[in-house]
Amino acid sequence: MVTGAGRGIGREYALMLAEHGAKVIVNDLGGERDGTGADISPARQVVDDIKAIGGEAAVNGADVSDFAAAKGMIDQAVETFGGLDVVVNNAGILRDRMLTNMTEEEWDLVIKVHLKGTFCPARHAAAYWRGRSKEGQPNDARIINTTSVSGIYGNVGQTNYGAAKQGIAGFTFIAALELQRYGVTVNAIAPGALTRLTEDLGMGQASEEAKEAMSPRWIAPLCTWLASPQSAGITGRVFEASGQMLGVAEGWHRGPSAAAVDDPAAVDKVVRDLLGRTRAPAGMDGKDLSGWDGR
């Protein structure tokens, strides 16, 4: 099951998975990039495209952040294809705004679609796989989430989106720990691609060669590999993928440390010494921010 599969990266995921033999539930509410509206026709088109190449697929237009509807998505996969092996949580929207101007609605909707929209399908799929495990049936299952460099590294104007995507990274780590016992791996991809969500970020005027280098099709091979038996045992990881790069994002580690002090007046010297020995935060390119001084 691939959510947000009607366009962009999700569409490429669904098509390549089908090309390699997967039977695909193509989920897409079909809303605009800001989450408004609904149109199931893009998802239907992807299903038609899969069937045209001899694959098997079924359409689903549910809202991924609706808890009951997400269970219906899992049930549909089991009833239609006899089981469920992979959930790709890809659906998302944008409501970018500087923090000083962001509305409650802009915050709530982005968190709902991205973070709750990852939780709901994953939760019901996990319950399905746990049930199978308790019945003595083996699983070789996958959850593949979608995070972002905006979340794991940070980007101005996206406190809502970045917080959701950082949350998805944390969700991935913990779910991987919890579900390993049931034969389920959980990983995340931070993709870089020119899609409907990113077309107004300067790439619209890029050369055709540059656009090709940032095509969403470059992300699909990693997703397809993660969905396959070849990736067995790989879990709790965040991968970065674009037409220009494939990498592994390293998670939080404790940096320099010191003995605790009980005098607030002594904290300044201790903390400034620690910061002087701490690497700078990463920028959107995953490398240390040039000129950063966190002291």
Protein backbone atom coordinates (compact mmCIF):
# COMPACT_ATOMS: atom_id res chain seq x y z
CA MET A 1 0.00 0.00 0.00
CA VAL A 2 1.36 3.38 -1.05
CA THR A 3 -0.26 6.55 0.30
CA GLY A 4 -0.20 9.77 -1.66
CA ALA A 5 0.41 7.66 -4.76
CA GLY A 6 -1.58 9.68 -7.29
CA ARG A 7 1.23 12.01 -8.27
CA GLY A 8 4.93 12.75 -7.85
CA ILE A 9 7.09 10.50 -5.71
CA GLY A 10 4.21 8.27 -4.60
CA ARG A 11 3.23 7.60 -8.20
CA GLU A 12 6.79 6.56 -9.04
CA TYR A 13 6.83 4.29 -5.99
CA ALA A 14 3.59 2.57 -7.00
CA LEU A 15 4.64 2.08 -10.63
CA MET A 16 8.09 0.66 -9.83
CA LEU A 17 6.77 -1.60 -7.10
CA ALA A 18 4.21 -2.95 -9.57
CA GLU A 19 6.89 -3.41 -12.22
CA HIS A 20 8.74 -5.64 -9.79
CA GLY A 21 5.73 -7.79 -9.00
CA ALA A 22 3.96 -6.06 -6.12
CA LYS A 23 0.19 -5.85 -5.99
CA VAL A 24 -0.51 -2.26 -5.04
CA ILE A 25 -3.24 -0.41 -3.18
CA VAL A 26 -2.92 3.09 -4.67
CA ASN A 27 -4.10 5.54 -2.03
CA ASP A 28 -4.61 9.23 -2.71
CA LEU A 29 -7.23 11.63 -1.43
CA GLY A 30 -6.41 13.81 -4.43
CA GLY A 31 -6.28 17.15 -2.63
CA GLU A 32 -4.34 20.23 -3.65
CA ARG A 33 -0.80 20.76 -2.35
CA ASP A 34 -2.23 22.71 0.62
CA GLY A 35 -4.60 19.87 1.52
CA THR A 36 -7.80 21.40 0.17
CA GLY A 37 -10.21 19.55 -2.09
CA ALA A 38 -10.36 15.91 -3.15
CA ASP A 39 -10.10 14.14 -6.50
CA ILE A 40 -9.66 10.40 -6.85
CA SER A 41 -8.91 10.53 -10.58
CA PRO A 42 -5.06 10.73 -10.20
CA ALA A 43 -5.10 7.54 -8.13
CA ARG A 44 -7.38 5.87 -10.67
CA GLN A 45 -4.97 6.83 -13.45
CA VAL A 46 -2.06 5.20 -11.61
CA VAL A 47 -4.12 2.03 -11.18
CA ASP A 48 -4.90 2.07 -14.91
CA ASP A 49 -1.20 2.57 -15.71
CA ILE A 50 -0.26 -0.41 -13.54
CA LYS A 51 -2.89 -2.62 -15.13
CA ALA A 52 -1.71 -1.50 -18.58
CA ILE A 53 1.70 -3.08 -17.89
CA GLY A 54 0.12 -6.29 -16.64
CA GLY A 55 0.21 -5.48 -12.95
CA GLU A 56 -2.44 -5.66 -10.24
CA ALA A 57 -3.68 -2.61 -8.38
CA ALA A 58 -6.71 -1.16 -6.65
CA VAL A 59 -7.63 2.41 -5.85
CA ASN A 60 -8.25 3.91 -2.42
CA GLY A 61 -9.29 7.51 -1.80
CA ALA A 62 -9.25 7.56 2.00
CA ASP A 63 -7.85 10.31 4.20
CA VAL A 64 -4.70 8.83 5.76
CA SER A 65 -5.19 10.86 8.93
CA ASP A 66 -8.63 9.35 9.57
CA PHE A 67 -8.06 6.51 12.05
CA ALA A 68 -11.04 4.41 10.97
CA ALA A 69 -10.43 5.03 7.27
CA ALA A 70 -6.82 3.94 7.67
CA LYS A 71 -8.00 0.62 9.09
CA GLY A 72 -10.22 0.31 6.05
CA MET A 73 -7.14 0.73 3.85
CA ILE A 74 -5.39 -2.17 5.58
CA ASP A 75 -8.55 -4.27 5.40
CA GLN A 76 -8.88 -3.50 1.69
CA ALA A 77 -5.36 -4.75 1.01
CA VAL A 78 -5.97 -7.98 2.91
CA GLU A 79 -9.37 -8.58 1.32
CA THR A 80 -8.28 -7.65 -2.21
CA PHE A 81 -4.89 -9.32 -2.40
CA GLY A 82 -4.98 -11.84 0.45
CA GLY A 83 -2.52 -10.06 2.71
CA LEU A 84 -0.31 -7.06 3.28
CA ASP A 85 3.48 -6.96 3.27
CA VAL A 86 4.48 -3.32 2.77
CA VAL A 87 3.10 0.07 3.81
CA VAL A 88 4.67 3.16 2.23
CA ASN A 89 3.58 6.30 4.08
CA ASN A 90 4.09 9.07 1.54
CA ALA A 91 1.05 11.38 1.62
CA GLY A 92 1.75 15.00 2.47
CA ILE A 93 0.86 18.66 2.04
CA LEU A 94 2.51 22.05 2.53
CA ARG A 95 1.34 25.15 4.39
CA ASP A 96 4.62 27.08 4.64
CA ARG A 97 4.68 30.21 6.78
CA MET A 98 7.13 32.02 9.05
CA LEU A 99 6.47 31.21 12.71
CA THR A 100 5.38 34.76 13.55
CA ASN A 101 2.58 34.54 10.97
CA MET A 102 1.60 30.87 11.07
CA THR A 103 -2.04 30.19 11.89
CA GLU A 104 -3.33 27.44 14.12
CA GLU A 105 -5.01 25.83 11.11
CA GLU A 106 -1.75 25.81 9.13
CA TRP A 107 0.00 24.11 12.03
CA ASP A 108 -2.74 21.60 12.80
CA LEU A 109 -3.40 20.48 9.23
CA VAL A 110 0.24 19.85 8.35
CA ILE A 111 0.86 17.92 11.57
CA LYS A 112 -2.36 15.96 11.00
CA VAL A 113 -1.63 14.89 7.42
CA HIS A 114 2.05 14.10 7.85
CA LEU A 115 2.44 12.84 11.41
CA LYS A 116 -0.99 11.39 12.17
CA GLY A 117 -1.20 10.28 8.53
CA THR A 118 1.89 8.18 9.13
CA PHE A 119 0.70 6.85 12.48
CA CYS A 120 -2.77 5.71 11.38
CA PRO A 121 -1.85 3.31 8.52
CA ALA A 122 1.25 2.11 10.38
CA ARG A 123 -0.69 1.41 13.56
CA HIS A 124 -3.32 -0.74 11.84
CA ALA A 125 -0.74 -2.55 9.72
CA ALA A 126 1.32 -3.25 12.85
CA ALA A 127 -1.72 -4.73 14.57
CA TYR A 128 -2.35 -6.93 11.52
CA TRP A 129 1.24 -8.23 11.54
CA ARG A 130 1.23 -8.74 15.30
CA GLY A 131 -1.94 -10.81 14.95
CA ARG A 132 -0.29 -12.95 12.29
CA SER A 133 2.76 -13.42 14.49
CA LYS A 134 0.67 -14.50 17.47
CA GLU A 135 -1.03 -17.07 15.22
CA GLY A 136 2.38 -18.50 14.37
CA GLN A 137 2.54 -17.06 10.87
CA PRO A 138 5.86 -15.54 9.78
CA ASN A 139 6.13 -11.96 8.56
CA ASP A 140 8.73 -10.35 6.32
CA ALA A 141 7.02 -6.99 6.33
CA ARG A 142 7.99 -3.37 5.80
CA ILE A 143 6.93 0.12 6.83
CA ILE A 144 8.60 2.83 4.75
CA ASN A 145 7.97 6.36 6.00
CA THR A 146 8.66 9.72 4.39
CA THR A 147 10.66 12.27 6.34
CA SER A 148 12.51 15.30 4.94
CA VAL A 149 15.79 17.17 5.20
CA SER A 150 13.58 20.06 6.33
CA GLY A 151 12.77 18.00 9.41
CA ILE A 152 16.06 16.30 10.19
CA TYR A 153 18.22 19.35 9.39
CA GLY A 154 15.78 22.30 9.42
CA ASN A 155 14.50 24.87 6.93
CA VAL A 156 13.25 28.42 7.42
CA GLY A 157 9.52 28.87 6.98
CA GLN A 158 8.62 25.26 7.74
CA THR A 159 8.24 24.89 11.50
CA ASN A 160 5.02 22.91 10.97
CA TYR A 161 6.32 20.69 8.15
CA GLY A 162 9.76 20.27 9.71
CA ALA A 163 8.32 19.37 13.11
CA ALA A 164 6.10 16.76 11.48
CA LYS A 165 8.97 15.30 9.49
CA GLN A 166 11.31 15.25 12.50
CA GLY A 167 8.48 13.52 14.35
CA ILE A 168 8.25 10.91 11.60
CA ALA A 169 11.98 10.23 11.93
CA GLY A 170 11.54 9.67 15.68
CA PHE A 171 8.45 7.56 15.04
CA THR A 172 10.52 5.44 12.64
CA PHE A 173 13.27 4.75 15.19
CA ILE A 174 10.85 3.71 17.92
CA ALA A 175 8.51 1.69 15.70
CA ALA A 176 11.54 -0.20 14.40
CA LEU A 177 12.41 -1.20 17.97
CA GLU A 178 8.85 -2.26 18.75
CA LEU A 179 8.04 -4.19 15.58
CA GLN A 180 11.26 -6.10 15.03
CA ARG A 181 9.91 -8.97 17.14
CA TYR A 182 7.05 -9.40 14.66
CA GLY A 183 9.25 -9.61 11.56
CA VAL A 184 8.65 -6.00 10.52
CA THR A 185 11.30 -3.46 9.55
CA VAL A 186 10.66 0.29 9.70
CA ASN A 187 12.76 2.79 7.74
CA ALA A 188 12.32 6.29 6.37
CA ILE A 189 13.32 8.14 3.22
CA ALA A 190 14.11 11.84 3.05
CA PRO A 191 13.59 12.43 -0.68
CA GLY A 192 14.79 15.29 -2.83
CA ALA A 193 12.76 15.74 -6.01
CA LEU A 194 10.94 18.23 -8.20
CA THR A 195 7.25 17.60 -7.57
CA ARG A 196 4.03 19.52 -7.13
CA LEU A 197 5.06 20.29 -3.54
CA THR A 198 8.45 21.73 -4.51
CA GLU A 199 7.86 23.27 -7.93
CA ASP A 200 7.68 26.83 -6.55
CA LEU A 201 11.04 26.59 -4.74
CA GLY A 202 13.10 27.78 -7.71
CA MET A 203 13.27 24.55 -9.70
CA GLY A 204 10.54 25.66 -12.11
CA GLN A 205 13.05 27.78 -14.03
CA ALA A 206 15.78 25.11 -14.04
CA SER A 207 17.16 23.54 -17.19
CA GLU A 208 15.68 20.31 -18.47
CA GLU A 209 18.87 18.53 -17.45
CA ALA A 210 18.55 19.86 -13.91
CA LYS A 211 14.87 18.88 -13.79
CA GLU A 212 15.73 15.36 -14.90
CA ALA A 213 18.38 15.14 -12.20
CA MET A 214 15.66 15.94 -9.63
CA SER A 215 12.95 13.70 -11.10
CA PRO A 216 10.99 11.72 -8.48
CA ARG A 217 11.78 8.52 -10.37
CA TRP A 218 15.26 8.55 -8.79
CA ILE A 219 13.72 7.92 -5.37
CA ALA A 220 11.74 4.83 -6.40
CA PRO A 221 14.64 2.33 -6.61
CA LEU A 222 15.47 2.86 -2.92
CA CYS A 223 11.84 2.44 -1.91
CA THR A 224 11.53 -0.70 -4.04
CA TRP A 225 14.67 -2.15 -2.46
CA LEU A 226 13.46 -1.35 1.03
CA ALA A 227 10.18 -3.10 0.20
CA SER A 228 11.98 -6.20 -1.04
CA PRO A 229 13.34 -9.27 0.81
CA GLN A 230 16.86 -7.99 0.02
CA SER A 231 16.51 -5.32 2.72
CA ALA A 232 15.74 -7.84 5.49
CA GLY A 233 17.39 -6.81 8.75
CA ILE A 234 17.79 -3.14 7.79
CA THR A 235 15.64 -1.20 10.22
CA GLY A 236 15.43 2.10 12.10
CA ARG A 237 17.33 3.98 9.38
CA VAL A 238 16.75 7.28 7.62
CA PHE A 239 17.98 7.42 4.03
CA GLU A 240 18.41 10.48 1.84
CA ALA A 241 17.72 10.00 -1.86
CA SER A 242 17.64 12.18 -4.95
CA GLY A 243 18.89 12.03 -8.51
CA GLN A 244 22.18 13.37 -7.27
CA MET A 245 22.80 11.40 -4.10
CA LEU A 246 21.98 8.35 -2.00
CA GLY A 247 23.03 8.53 1.63
CA VAL A 248 22.30 7.54 5.21
CA ALA A 249 21.41 10.27 7.71
CA GLU A 250 22.99 9.68 11.08
CA GLY A 251 20.75 10.18 14.09
CA TRP A 252 21.25 12.00 17.36
CA HIS A 253 24.36 11.10 19.37
CA ARG A 254 25.53 12.54 22.71
CA GLY A 255 28.31 15.02 22.04
CA PRO A 256 30.82 16.45 24.53
CA SER A 257 29.73 16.15 28.16
CA ALA A 258 30.88 17.28 31.60
CA ALA A 259 30.07 16.67 35.23
CA ALA A 260 26.88 18.38 36.38
CA VAL A 261 27.13 21.54 38.52
CA ASP A 262 24.73 22.75 41.19
CA ASP A 263 25.56 26.46 40.90
CA PRO A 264 23.78 28.38 38.10
CA ALA A 265 26.69 30.83 37.99
CA ALA A 266 29.01 27.97 37.03
CA VAL A 267 26.83 26.70 34.19
CA ASP A 268 27.92 29.36 31.71
CA LYS A 269 31.59 28.36 31.70
CA VAL A 270 30.81 24.64 31.51
CA VAL A 271 28.28 24.93 28.68
CA ARG A 272 30.38 27.32 26.60
CA ASP A 273 33.29 24.91 26.86
CA LEU A 274 31.04 22.05 25.71
CA LEU A 275 29.70 24.10 22.78
CA GLY A 276 33.24 24.96 21.76
CA ARG A 277 33.88 21.25 21.31
CA THR A 278 30.56 20.46 19.61
CA ARG A 279 30.11 20.24 15.84
CA ALA A 280 27.76 22.74 14.23
CA PRO A 281 24.23 21.72 13.27
CA ALA A 282 23.76 20.49 9.70
CA GLY A 283 22.29 22.63 6.95
CA MET A 284 19.85 21.44 4.32
CA ASP A 285 22.73 19.77 2.48
CA GLY A 286 23.48 17.61 5.52
CA LYS A 287 26.84 19.29 6.11
CA ASP A 288 27.94 21.54 8.98
CA LEU A 289 26.49 25.05 8.69
CA SER A 290 29.18 27.44 7.57
CA GLY A 291 29.90 30.16 10.10
CA TRP A 292 27.53 28.74 12.73
CA ASP A 293 28.29 29.86 16.24
CA GLY A 294 25.93 28.27 18.74
CA ARG A 295 27.72 29.80 21.72
